[in-house]
Protein backbone atom coordinates (compact mmCIF):
# COMPACT_ATOMS: atom_id res chain seq x y z
CA MET A 1 0.00 0.00 0.00
CA THR A 2 1.18 3.42 -0.74
CA LEU A 3 1.28 6.28 1.68
CA ILE A 4 -1.50 8.11 -0.19
CA SER A 5 -3.94 5.23 0.37
CA ILE A 6 -3.05 4.84 4.07
CA ILE A 7 -3.57 8.51 5.01
CA PRO A 8 -7.38 8.50 4.44
CA ILE A 9 -7.73 5.31 6.47
CA VAL A 10 -5.77 6.80 9.35
CA LEU A 11 -7.76 10.06 9.15
CA VAL A 12 -11.06 8.16 9.24
CA ALA A 13 -9.87 6.09 12.21
CA VAL A 14 -8.73 9.20 14.14
CA ALA A 15 -12.00 10.99 13.34
CA GLY A 16 -13.98 7.94 14.47
CA ILE A 17 -12.12 7.72 17.78
CA TRP A 18 -12.50 11.47 18.33
CA MET A 19 -16.26 11.33 17.59
CA PHE A 20 -16.68 8.36 19.93
CA LEU A 21 -15.01 10.25 22.78
CA GLU A 22 -17.00 13.44 22.08
CA LEU A 23 -20.30 11.53 21.99
CA LYS A 24 -19.46 9.92 25.30
CA ARG A 25 -18.87 13.36 26.82
CA MET A 26 -21.88 14.87 25.06
CA LYS A 27 -24.14 12.16 26.50
CA HIS A 28 -23.63 13.60 29.98
CA THR A 29 -24.36 17.12 28.74
CA ILE A 30 -27.56 16.02 27.02
CA LEU A 31 -28.66 14.16 30.15
CA ALA A 32 -28.02 17.25 32.28
CA PHE A 33 -30.04 19.47 29.91
CA PHE A 34 -32.86 16.90 29.88
CA ILE A 35 -33.00 16.79 33.69
CA ILE A 36 -32.95 20.60 33.94
CA ALA A 37 -35.73 20.86 31.33
CA LEU A 38 -37.79 18.24 33.17
CA VAL A 39 -37.43 20.08 36.50
CA LEU A 40 -38.35 23.42 34.89
CA PHE A 41 -41.36 21.86 33.14
CA GLY A 42 -42.53 20.35 36.42
CA PHE A 43 -42.10 23.61 38.32
CA PHE A 44 -43.92 25.79 35.80
CA SER A 45 -46.66 23.26 35.09
CA PHE A 46 -47.38 22.83 38.81
CA ASN A 47 -47.59 26.61 39.15
CA ILE A 48 -49.96 26.91 36.21
CA VAL A 49 -52.22 24.04 37.28
CA PHE A 50 -52.51 25.02 40.96
CA LYS A 51 -52.62 28.80 40.45
CA GLY A 52 -56.22 29.40 41.54
CA SER A 53 -56.75 26.38 43.73
CA ASN A 54 -56.63 26.33 47.52
CA LEU A 55 -54.89 23.01 48.07
CA SER A 56 -52.65 22.24 51.03
CA ILE A 57 -49.84 19.69 51.12
CA LYS A 58 -50.60 19.03 54.80
CA ASN A 59 -53.85 17.21 54.06
CA VAL A 60 -53.86 13.80 52.34
CA SER A 61 -57.18 14.43 50.59
CA ASP A 62 -55.83 17.69 49.15
CA ILE A 63 -52.75 15.88 47.87
CA GLU A 64 -55.00 13.32 46.16
CA LYS A 65 -57.11 16.11 44.64
CA GLY A 66 -53.98 17.91 43.49
CA ALA A 67 -52.54 14.78 41.88
CA GLN A 68 -55.85 14.10 40.17
CA LEU A 69 -56.01 17.70 38.91
CA TYR A 70 -52.41 17.68 37.67
CA PHE A 71 -52.62 14.36 35.83
CA SER A 72 -55.97 15.37 34.36
CA TRP A 73 -54.29 18.52 33.04
CA ILE A 74 -51.38 16.51 31.59
CA GLY A 75 -53.87 14.10 29.99
CA SER A 76 -55.77 16.98 28.39
CA ILE A 77 -52.49 18.26 26.92
CA PHE A 78 -51.89 14.89 25.26
CA GLY A 79 -55.50 14.85 24.02
CA ASN A 80 -55.09 18.32 22.51
CA VAL A 81 -51.83 17.37 20.80
CA LYS A 82 -53.48 14.23 19.43
CA SER A 83 -56.39 16.26 18.07
CA LEU A 84 -54.09 18.89 16.56
CA THR A 85 -51.93 16.24 14.90
CA GLY A 86 -54.98 14.46 13.50
CA GLN A 87 -56.31 17.68 12.01
CA ALA A 88 -52.91 18.57 10.54
CA VAL A 89 -52.67 15.18 8.84
CA GLN A 90 -56.11 15.56 7.27
CA MET A 91 -55.34 19.00 5.80
CA ASN A 92 -54.74 19.52 2.11
CA TRP A 93 -51.05 20.41 2.01
CA GLU A 94 -50.82 20.67 -1.77
CA GLY A 95 -51.98 24.27 -1.87
CA ASN A 96 -53.78 25.84 -4.79
CA VAL A 97 -53.10 23.76 -7.85
CA THR A 98 -54.52 25.29 -10.98
CA SER A 99 -54.39 23.43 -14.24
């Protein structure tokens, strides 16, 4: 093999090793961003859902009502997304076609 044919193989191998190491490091960064986003979503969604309600965390029945309210709210979000997606799929996306 000549030197010209070995250089691309070595470059591909070095790039592959470098990408493997970067992906390993990036995995931790992505996980950290995901956890931060999940915590922020939970905080803001709890604030939105319980804004006008007089629930206390000291009473078990209020905790049950709060959990029921929160998961009902989350379920309605999924229902709305499902409805929106279904309507978007049924739309005519071709536009005005004149012949």
